[in-house]
Amino acid sequence: MNPVLTVYFDGLCKVCSHEIEIYRRRDRTAQVRWVDIMDPRFEPASEGLDPVLIHQEMHARRSDGALAVGVEAFVEIWKVIPGF
């Protein structure tokens, strides 16, 4: 199954990582592609993201290419993961 959402998160942020882990456990059908922006292999430009802004707020990209930032990124997560 192809993910319907890509979520970019800061894996070094303990609060962020904890919350993302909760979402990952509920994402049993792999609706989300989880991308740790702190992974040394991550290149924001290759994903069409601003390298500064990606570190300031959570970002999520829908399968139609639309980008959600900040609270809107969480709304997109809640739409695709059961129980929210």
PDB file of N, CA and C in Angstrom:
ATOM      1  N   MET A   1       0.843  -1.184   0.000  1.00  0.00           N
ATOM      2  CA  MET A   1       0.000   0.000   0.000  1.00  0.00           C
ATOM      3  C   MET A   1       0.891   1.250   0.000  1.00  0.00           C
ATOM      4  N   ASN A   2       0.537   2.211  -0.814  1.00  0.00           N
ATOM      5  CA  ASN A   2       1.291   3.463  -0.861  1.00  0.00           C
ATOM      6  C   ASN A   2       0.795   4.410   0.221  1.00  0.00           C
ATOM      7  N   PRO A   3       1.734   5.049   0.938  1.00  0.00           N
ATOM      8  CA  PRO A   3       1.314   6.005   1.968  1.00  0.00           C
ATOM      9  C   PRO A   3       0.527   7.155   1.357  1.00  0.00           C
ATOM     10  N   VAL A   4      -0.443   7.666   2.106  1.00  0.00           N
ATOM     11  CA  VAL A   4      -1.231   8.804   1.640  1.00  0.00           C
ATOM     12  C   VAL A   4      -0.706  10.110   2.215  1.00  0.00           C
ATOM     13  N   LEU A   5       0.295  10.004   3.098  1.00  0.00           N
ATOM     14  CA  LEU A   5       0.840  11.184   3.760  1.00  0.00           C
ATOM     15  C   LEU A   5       2.305  10.938   4.088  1.00  0.00           C
ATOM     16  N   THR A   6       3.131  11.971   3.918  1.00  0.00           N
ATOM     17  CA  THR A   6       4.525  11.928   4.356  1.00  0.00           C
ATOM     18  C   THR A   6       4.673  12.955   5.457  1.00  0.00           C
ATOM     19  N   VAL A   7       5.177  12.510   6.608  1.00  0.00           N
ATOM     20  CA  VAL A   7       5.355  13.397   7.759  1.00  0.00           C
ATOM     21  C   VAL A   7       6.838  13.556   8.028  1.00  0.00           C
ATOM     22  N   TYR A   8       7.262  14.808   8.137  1.00  0.00           N
ATOM     23  CA  TYR A   8       8.650  15.151   8.422  1.00  0.00           C
ATOM     24  C   TYR A   8       8.735  15.580   9.879  1.00  0.00           C
ATOM     25  N   PHE A   9       9.560  14.891  10.664  1.00  0.00           N
ATOM     26  CA  PHE A   9       9.643  15.186  12.093  1.00  0.00           C
ATOM     27  C   PHE A   9      11.099  15.210  12.548  1.00  0.00           C
ATOM     28  N   ASP A  10      11.344  15.856  13.681  1.00  0.00           N
ATOM     29  CA  ASP A  10      12.684  15.972  14.260  1.00  0.00           C
ATOM     30  C   ASP A  10      12.912  14.820  15.232  1.00  0.00           C
ATOM     31  N   GLY A  11      13.679  13.833  14.812  1.00  0.00           N
ATOM     32  CA  GLY A  11      13.935  12.662  15.628  1.00  0.00           C
ATOM     33  C   GLY A  11      14.795  12.920  16.848  1.00  0.00           C
ATOM     34  N   LEU A  12      15.438  14.073  16.931  1.00  0.00           N
ATOM     35  CA  LEU A  12      16.236  14.405  18.110  1.00  0.00           C
ATOM     36  C   LEU A  12      15.410  15.098  19.187  1.00  0.00           C
ATOM     37  N   CYS A  13      14.236  15.534  18.833  1.00  0.00           N
ATOM     38  CA  CYS A  13      13.340  16.179  19.793  1.00  0.00           C
ATOM     39  C   CYS A  13      12.594  15.079  20.550  1.00  0.00           C
ATOM     40  N   LYS A  14      12.810  15.003  21.853  1.00  0.00           N
ATOM     41  CA  LYS A  14      12.196  13.936  22.649  1.00  0.00           C
ATOM     42  C   LYS A  14      10.675  14.024  22.648  1.00  0.00           C
ATOM     43  N   VAL A  15      10.142  15.220  22.737  1.00  0.00           N
ATOM     44  CA  VAL A  15       8.681  15.391  22.714  1.00  0.00           C
ATOM     45  C   VAL A  15       8.130  14.958  21.358  1.00  0.00           C
ATOM     46  N   CYS A  16       8.769  15.426  20.297  1.00  0.00           N
ATOM     47  CA  CYS A  16       8.319  15.065  18.943  1.00  0.00           C
ATOM     48  C   CYS A  16       8.391  13.558  18.732  1.00  0.00           C
ATOM     49  N   SER A  17       9.507  12.969  19.094  1.00  0.00           N
ATOM     50  CA  SER A  17       9.701  11.540  18.888  1.00  0.00           C
ATOM     51  C   SER A  17       8.679  10.718  19.659  1.00  0.00           C
ATOM     52  N   HIS A  18       8.378  11.130  20.862  1.00  0.00           N
ATOM     53  CA  HIS A  18       7.382  10.418  21.667  1.00  0.00           C
ATOM     54  C   HIS A  18       6.013  10.458  20.989  1.00  0.00           C
ATOM     55  N   GLU A  19       5.614  11.632  20.536  1.00  0.00           N
ATOM     56  CA  GLU A  19       4.306  11.762  19.885  1.00  0.00           C
ATOM     57  C   GLU A  19       4.266  10.986  18.569  1.00  0.00           C
ATOM     58  N   ILE A  20       5.328  11.068  17.792  1.00  0.00           N
ATOM     59  CA  ILE A  20       5.387  10.343  16.524  1.00  0.00           C
ATOM     60  C   ILE A  20       5.291   8.835  16.775  1.00  0.00           C
ATOM     61  N   GLU A  21       5.927   8.355  17.835  1.00  0.00           N
ATOM     62  CA  GLU A  21       5.863   6.926  18.154  1.00  0.00           C
ATOM     63  C   GLU A  21       4.426   6.487  18.447  1.00  0.00           C
ATOM     64  N   ILE A  22       3.659   7.330  19.100  1.00  0.00           N
ATOM     65  CA  ILE A  22       2.243   7.034  19.345  1.00  0.00           C
ATOM     66  C   ILE A  22       1.504   6.900  18.008  1.00  0.00           C
ATOM     67  N   TYR A  23       1.745   7.835  17.105  1.00  0.00           N
ATOM     68  CA  TYR A  23       1.097   7.786  15.791  1.00  0.00           C
ATOM     69  C   TYR A  23       1.540   6.552  15.007  1.00  0.00           C
ATOM     70  N   ARG A  24       2.826   6.248  15.037  1.00  0.00           N
ATOM     71  CA  ARG A  24       3.356   5.089  14.302  1.00  0.00           C
ATOM     72  C   ARG A  24       2.688   3.793  14.747  1.00  0.00           C
ATOM     73  N   ARG A  25       2.489   3.632  16.034  1.00  0.00           N
ATOM     74  CA  ARG A  25       1.861   2.413  16.546  1.00  0.00           C
ATOM     75  C   ARG A  25       0.423   2.266  16.036  1.00  0.00           C
ATOM     76  N   ARG A  26      -0.249   3.385  15.842  1.00  0.00           N
ATOM     77  CA  ARG A  26      -1.636   3.344  15.356  1.00  0.00           C
ATOM     78  C   ARG A  26      -1.717   3.253  13.837  1.00  0.00           C
ATOM     79  N   ASP A  27      -0.624   3.504  13.170  1.00  0.00           N
ATOM     80  CA  ASP A  27      -0.574   3.486  11.703  1.00  0.00           C
ATOM     81  C   ASP A  27      -0.338   2.054  11.214  1.00  0.00           C
ATOM     82  N   ARG A  28      -1.255   1.168  11.517  1.00  0.00           N
ATOM     83  CA  ARG A  28      -1.087  -0.264  11.236  1.00  0.00           C
ATOM     84  C   ARG A  28      -1.163  -0.609   9.754  1.00  0.00           C
ATOM     85  N   THR A  29      -1.738   0.266   8.965  1.00  0.00           N
ATOM     86  CA  THR A  29      -1.856  -0.009   7.528  1.00  0.00           C
ATOM     87  C   THR A  29      -0.880   0.823   6.699  1.00  0.00           C
ATOM     88  N   ALA A  30       0.128   1.379   7.355  1.00  0.00           N
ATOM     89  CA  ALA A  30       1.197   2.135   6.685  1.00  0.00           C
ATOM     90  C   ALA A  30       0.650   3.258   5.803  1.00  0.00           C
ATOM     91  N   GLN A  31      -0.242   4.056   6.368  1.00  0.00           N
ATOM     92  CA  GLN A  31      -0.808   5.198   5.654  1.00  0.00           C
ATOM     93  C   GLN A  31       0.174   6.374   5.579  1.00  0.00           C
ATOM     94  N   VAL A  32       1.185   6.341   6.464  1.00  0.00           N
ATOM     95  CA  VAL A  32       2.115   7.470   6.578  1.00  0.00           C
ATOM     96  C   VAL A  32       3.548   7.015   6.333  1.00  0.00           C
ATOM     97  N   ARG A  33       4.256   7.809   5.588  1.00  0.00           N
ATOM     98  CA  ARG A  33       5.712   7.654   5.432  1.00  0.00           C
ATOM     99  C   ARG A  33       6.327   8.608   6.439  1.00  0.00           C
ATOM    100  N   TRP A  34       7.076   8.083   7.399  1.00  0.00           N
ATOM    101  CA  TRP A  34       7.667   8.879   8.475  1.00  0.00           C
ATOM    102  C   TRP A  34       9.102   9.212   8.106  1.00  0.00           C
ATOM    103  N   VAL A  35       9.446  10.510   8.071  1.00  0.00           N
ATOM    104  CA  VAL A  35      10.781  10.948   7.668  1.00  0.00           C
ATOM    105  C   VAL A  35      11.405  11.761   8.801  1.00  0.00           C
ATOM    106  N   ASP A  36      12.496  11.242   9.335  1.00  0.00           N
ATOM    107  CA  ASP A  36      13.236  11.944  10.385  1.00  0.00           C
ATOM    108  C   ASP A  36      14.159  12.960   9.720  1.00  0.00           C
ATOM    109  N   ILE A  37      13.890  14.230   9.925  1.00  0.00           N
ATOM    110  CA  ILE A  37      14.674  15.279   9.266  1.00  0.00           C
ATOM    111  C   ILE A  37      16.087  15.391   9.832  1.00  0.00           C
ATOM    112  N   MET A  38      16.352  14.708  10.937  1.00  0.00           N
ATOM    113  CA  MET A  38      17.693  14.730  11.520  1.00  0.00           C
ATOM    114  C   MET A  38      18.560  13.570  11.019  1.00  0.00           C
ATOM    115  N   ASP A  39      17.987  12.703  10.230  1.00  0.00           N
ATOM    116  CA  ASP A  39      18.764  11.630   9.615  1.00  0.00           C
ATOM    117  C   ASP A  39      19.768  12.281   8.665  1.00  0.00           C
ATOM    118  N   PRO A  40      21.042  11.920   8.760  1.00  0.00           N
ATOM    119  CA  PRO A  40      22.053  12.561   7.901  1.00  0.00           C
ATOM    120  C   PRO A  40      21.793  12.387   6.405  1.00  0.00           C
ATOM    121  N   ARG A  41      21.002  11.397   6.043  1.00  0.00           N
ATOM    122  CA  ARG A  41      20.693  11.170   4.620  1.00  0.00           C
ATOM    123  C   ARG A  41      19.554  12.049   4.114  1.00  0.00           C
ATOM    124  N   PHE A  42      18.847  12.713   5.032  1.00  0.00           N
ATOM    125  CA  PHE A  42      17.713  13.550   4.635  1.00  0.00           C
ATOM    126  C   PHE A  42      18.207  14.819   3.950  1.00  0.00           C
ATOM    127  N   GLU A  43      17.640  15.096   2.785  1.00  0.00           N
ATOM    128  CA  GLU A  43      17.966  16.305   2.030  1.00  0.00           C
ATOM    129  C   GLU A  43      16.674  17.056   1.746  1.00  0.00           C
ATOM    130  N   PRO A  44      16.422  18.162   2.477  1.00  0.00           N
ATOM    131  CA  PRO A  44      15.162  18.896   2.304  1.00  0.00           C
ATOM    132  C   PRO A  44      14.888  19.300   0.859  1.00  0.00           C
ATOM    133  N   ALA A  45      15.914  19.746   0.161  1.00  0.00           N
ATOM    134  CA  ALA A  45      15.715  20.215  -1.213  1.00  0.00           C
ATOM    135  C   ALA A  45      15.192  19.099  -2.120  1.00  0.00           C
ATOM    136  N   SER A  46      15.629  17.872  -1.890  1.00  0.00           N
ATOM    137  CA  SER A  46      15.171  16.765  -2.733  1.00  0.00           C
ATOM    138  C   SER A  46      13.691  16.454  -2.491  1.00  0.00           C
ATOM    139  N   GLU A  47      13.164  16.923  -1.370  1.00  0.00           N
ATOM    140  CA  GLU A  47      11.739  16.744  -1.043  1.00  0.00           C
ATOM    141  C   GLU A  47      10.950  18.026  -1.322  1.00  0.00           C
ATOM    142  N   GLY A  48      11.638  19.041  -1.875  1.00  0.00           N
ATOM    143  CA  GLY A  48      10.976  20.306  -2.173  1.00  0.00           C
ATOM    144  C   GLY A  48      10.666  21.135  -0.940  1.00  0.00           C
ATOM    145  N   LEU A  49      11.510  20.988   0.096  1.00  0.00           N
ATOM    146  CA  LEU A  49      11.278  21.686   1.364  1.00  0.00           C
ATOM    147  C   LEU A  49      12.371  22.709   1.644  1.00  0.00           C
ATOM    148  N   ASP A  50      11.997  23.766   2.331  1.00  0.00           N
ATOM    149  CA  ASP A  50      12.951  24.794   2.743  1.00  0.00           C
ATOM    150  C   ASP A  50      13.789  24.240   3.901  1.00  0.00           C
ATOM    151  N   PRO A  51      15.127  24.236   3.784  1.00  0.00           N
ATOM    152  CA  PRO A  51      15.976  23.647   4.817  1.00  0.00           C
ATOM    153  C   PRO A  51      15.925  24.365   6.164  1.00  0.00           C
ATOM    154  N   VAL A  52      15.504  25.605   6.194  1.00  0.00           N
ATOM    155  CA  VAL A  52      15.378  26.337   7.456  1.00  0.00           C
ATOM    156  C   VAL A  52      13.993  26.112   8.057  1.00  0.00           C
ATOM    157  N   LEU A  53      12.961  26.290   7.251  1.00  0.00           N
ATOM    158  CA  LEU A  53      11.587  26.163   7.746  1.00  0.00           C
ATOM    159  C   LEU A  53      11.255  24.758   8.243  1.00  0.00           C
ATOM    160  N   ILE A  54      11.860  23.736   7.631  1.00  0.00           N
ATOM    161  CA  ILE A  54      11.557  22.364   8.032  1.00  0.00           C
ATOM    162  C   ILE A  54      11.959  22.113   9.488  1.00  0.00           C
ATOM    163  N   HIS A  55      12.906  22.899   9.986  1.00  0.00           N
ATOM    164  CA  HIS A  55      13.356  22.747  11.383  1.00  0.00           C
ATOM    165  C   HIS A  55      12.553  23.611  12.350  1.00  0.00           C
ATOM    166  N   GLN A  56      11.666  24.413  11.840  1.00  0.00           N
ATOM    167  CA  GLN A  56      10.891  25.306  12.703  1.00  0.00           C
ATOM    168  C   GLN A  56       9.500  24.780  13.019  1.00  0.00           C
ATOM    169  N   GLU A  57       8.904  24.047  12.074  1.00  0.00           N
ATOM    170  CA  GLU A  57       7.550  23.516  12.271  1.00  0.00           C
ATOM    171  C   GLU A  57       7.430  22.167  11.582  1.00  0.00           C
ATOM    172  N   MET A  58       6.547  21.341  12.124  1.00  0.00           N
ATOM    173  CA  MET A  58       6.289  20.044  11.503  1.00  0.00           C
ATOM    174  C   MET A  58       5.657  20.261  10.137  1.00  0.00           C
ATOM    175  N   HIS A  59       6.037  19.414   9.199  1.00  0.00           N
ATOM    176  CA  HIS A  59       5.506  19.460   7.841  1.00  0.00           C
ATOM    177  C   HIS A  59       4.921  18.101   7.487  1.00  0.00           C
ATOM    178  N   ALA A  60       3.885  18.110   6.676  1.00  0.00           N
ATOM    179  CA  ALA A  60       3.302  16.886   6.141  1.00  0.00           C
ATOM    180  C   ALA A  60       2.882  17.142   4.695  1.00  0.00           C
ATOM    181  N   ARG A  61       3.166  16.155   3.851  1.00  0.00           N
ATOM    182  CA  ARG A  61       2.788  16.283   2.439  1.00  0.00           C
ATOM    183  C   ARG A  61       1.761  15.204   2.102  1.00  0.00           C
ATOM    184  N   ARG A  62       0.615  15.657   1.582  1.00  0.00           N
ATOM    185  CA  ARG A  62      -0.423  14.718   1.150  1.00  0.00           C
ATOM    186  C   ARG A  62      -0.017  14.068  -0.162  1.00  0.00           C
ATOM    187  N   SER A  63      -0.703  13.000  -0.508  1.00  0.00           N
ATOM    188  CA  SER A  63      -0.383  12.291  -1.751  1.00  0.00           C
ATOM    189  C   SER A  63      -0.628  13.147  -2.992  1.00  0.00           C
ATOM    190  N   ASP A  64      -1.472  14.186  -2.855  1.00  0.00           N
ATOM    191  CA  ASP A  64      -1.703  15.085  -3.998  1.00  0.00           C
ATOM    192  C   ASP A  64      -0.630  16.166  -4.099  1.00  0.00           C
ATOM    193  N   GLY A  65       0.368  16.122  -3.188  1.00  0.00           N
ATOM    194  CA  GLY A  65       1.483  17.065  -3.223  1.00  0.00           C
ATOM    195  C   GLY A  65       1.304  18.284  -2.339  1.00  0.00           C
ATOM    196  N   ALA A  66       0.098  18.509  -1.830  1.00  0.00           N
ATOM    197  CA  ALA A  66      -0.149  19.671  -0.971  1.00  0.00           C
ATOM    198  C   ALA A  66       0.628  19.532   0.337  1.00  0.00           C
ATOM    199  N   LEU A  67       1.176  20.639   0.788  1.00  0.00           N
ATOM    200  CA  LEU A  67       1.985  20.665   1.996  1.00  0.00           C
ATOM    201  C   LEU A  67       1.204  21.314   3.129  1.00  0.00           C
ATOM    202  N   ALA A  68       1.207  20.652   4.277  1.00  0.00           N
ATOM    203  CA  ALA A  68       0.585  21.197   5.489  1.00  0.00           C
ATOM    204  C   ALA A  68       1.700  21.466   6.485  1.00  0.00           C
ATOM    205  N   VAL A  69       1.628  22.612   7.161  1.00  0.00           N
ATOM    206  CA  VAL A  69       2.688  23.027   8.080  1.00  0.00           C
ATOM    207  C   VAL A  69       2.089  23.364   9.437  1.00  0.00           C
ATOM    208  N   GLY A  70       2.847  23.035  10.497  1.00  0.00           N
ATOM    209  CA  GLY A  70       2.412  23.359  11.853  1.00  0.00           C
ATOM    210  C   GLY A  70       1.205  22.542  12.265  1.00  0.00           C
ATOM    211  N   VAL A  71       0.222  23.197  12.865  1.00  0.00           N
ATOM    212  CA  VAL A  71      -0.980  22.518  13.339  1.00  0.00           C
ATOM    213  C   VAL A  71      -1.670  21.780  12.191  1.00  0.00           C
ATOM    214  N   GLU A  72      -1.652  22.349  11.016  1.00  0.00           N
ATOM    215  CA  GLU A  72      -2.288  21.703   9.860  1.00  0.00           C
ATOM    216  C   GLU A  72      -1.644  20.350   9.548  1.00  0.00           C
ATOM    217  N   ALA A  73      -0.352  20.201   9.833  1.00  0.00           N
ATOM    218  CA  ALA A  73       0.309  18.908   9.635  1.00  0.00           C
ATOM    219  C   ALA A  73      -0.288  17.867  10.573  1.00  0.00           C
ATOM    220  N   PHE A  74      -0.551  18.267  11.815  1.00  0.00           N
ATOM    221  CA  PHE A  74      -1.177  17.349  12.765  1.00  0.00           C
ATOM    222  C   PHE A  74      -2.592  16.980  12.318  1.00  0.00           C
ATOM    223  N   VAL A  75      -3.314  17.943  11.792  1.00  0.00           N
ATOM    224  CA  VAL A  75      -4.674  17.672  11.299  1.00  0.00           C
ATOM    225  C   VAL A  75      -4.618  16.605  10.207  1.00  0.00           C
ATOM    226  N   GLU A  76      -3.647  16.695   9.328  1.00  0.00           N
ATOM    227  CA  GLU A  76      -3.501  15.702   8.261  1.00  0.00           C
ATOM    228  C   GLU A  76      -3.200  14.319   8.842  1.00  0.00           C
ATOM    229  N   ILE A  77      -2.373  14.260   9.870  1.00  0.00           N
ATOM    230  CA  ILE A  77      -2.078  12.980  10.533  1.00  0.00           C
ATOM    231  C   ILE A  77      -3.356  12.410  11.116  1.00  0.00           C
ATOM    232  N   TRP A  78      -4.116  13.240  11.808  1.00  0.00           N
ATOM    233  CA  TRP A  78      -5.357  12.797  12.466  1.00  0.00           C
ATOM    234  C   TRP A  78      -6.376  12.289  11.451  1.00  0.00           C
ATOM    235  N   LYS A  79      -6.350  12.836  10.241  1.00  0.00           N
ATOM    236  CA  LYS A  79      -7.286  12.400   9.200  1.00  0.00           C
ATOM    237  C   LYS A  79      -7.014  10.973   8.738  1.00  0.00           C
ATOM    238  N   VAL A  80      -5.741  10.563   8.729  1.00  0.00           N
ATOM    239  CA  VAL A  80      -5.402   9.268   8.146  1.00  0.00           C
ATOM    240  C   VAL A  80      -5.149   8.163   9.166  1.00  0.00           C
ATOM    241  N   ILE A  81      -4.933   8.513  10.420  1.00  0.00           N
ATOM    242  CA  ILE A  81      -4.673   7.501  11.440  1.00  0.00           C
ATOM    243  C   ILE A  81      -5.927   7.297  12.282  1.00  0.00           C
ATOM    244  N   PRO A  82      -6.371   6.068  12.407  1.00  0.00           N
ATOM    245  CA  PRO A  82      -7.596   5.788  13.165  1.00  0.00           C
ATOM    246  C   PRO A  82      -7.490   6.240  14.630  1.00  0.00           C
ATOM    247  N   GLY A  83      -8.607   6.695  15.144  1.00  0.00           N
ATOM    248  CA  GLY A  83      -8.691   7.040  16.559  1.00  0.00           C
ATOM    249  C   GLY A  83      -8.475   8.497  16.905  1.00  0.00           C
ATOM    250  N   PHE A  84      -8.273   9.327  15.905  1.00  0.00           N
ATOM    251  CA  PHE A  84      -8.048  10.744  16.203  1.00  0.00           C
ATOM    252  C   PHE A  84      -9.169  11.583  15.655  1.00  0.00           C
TER     253      PHE A  84
END
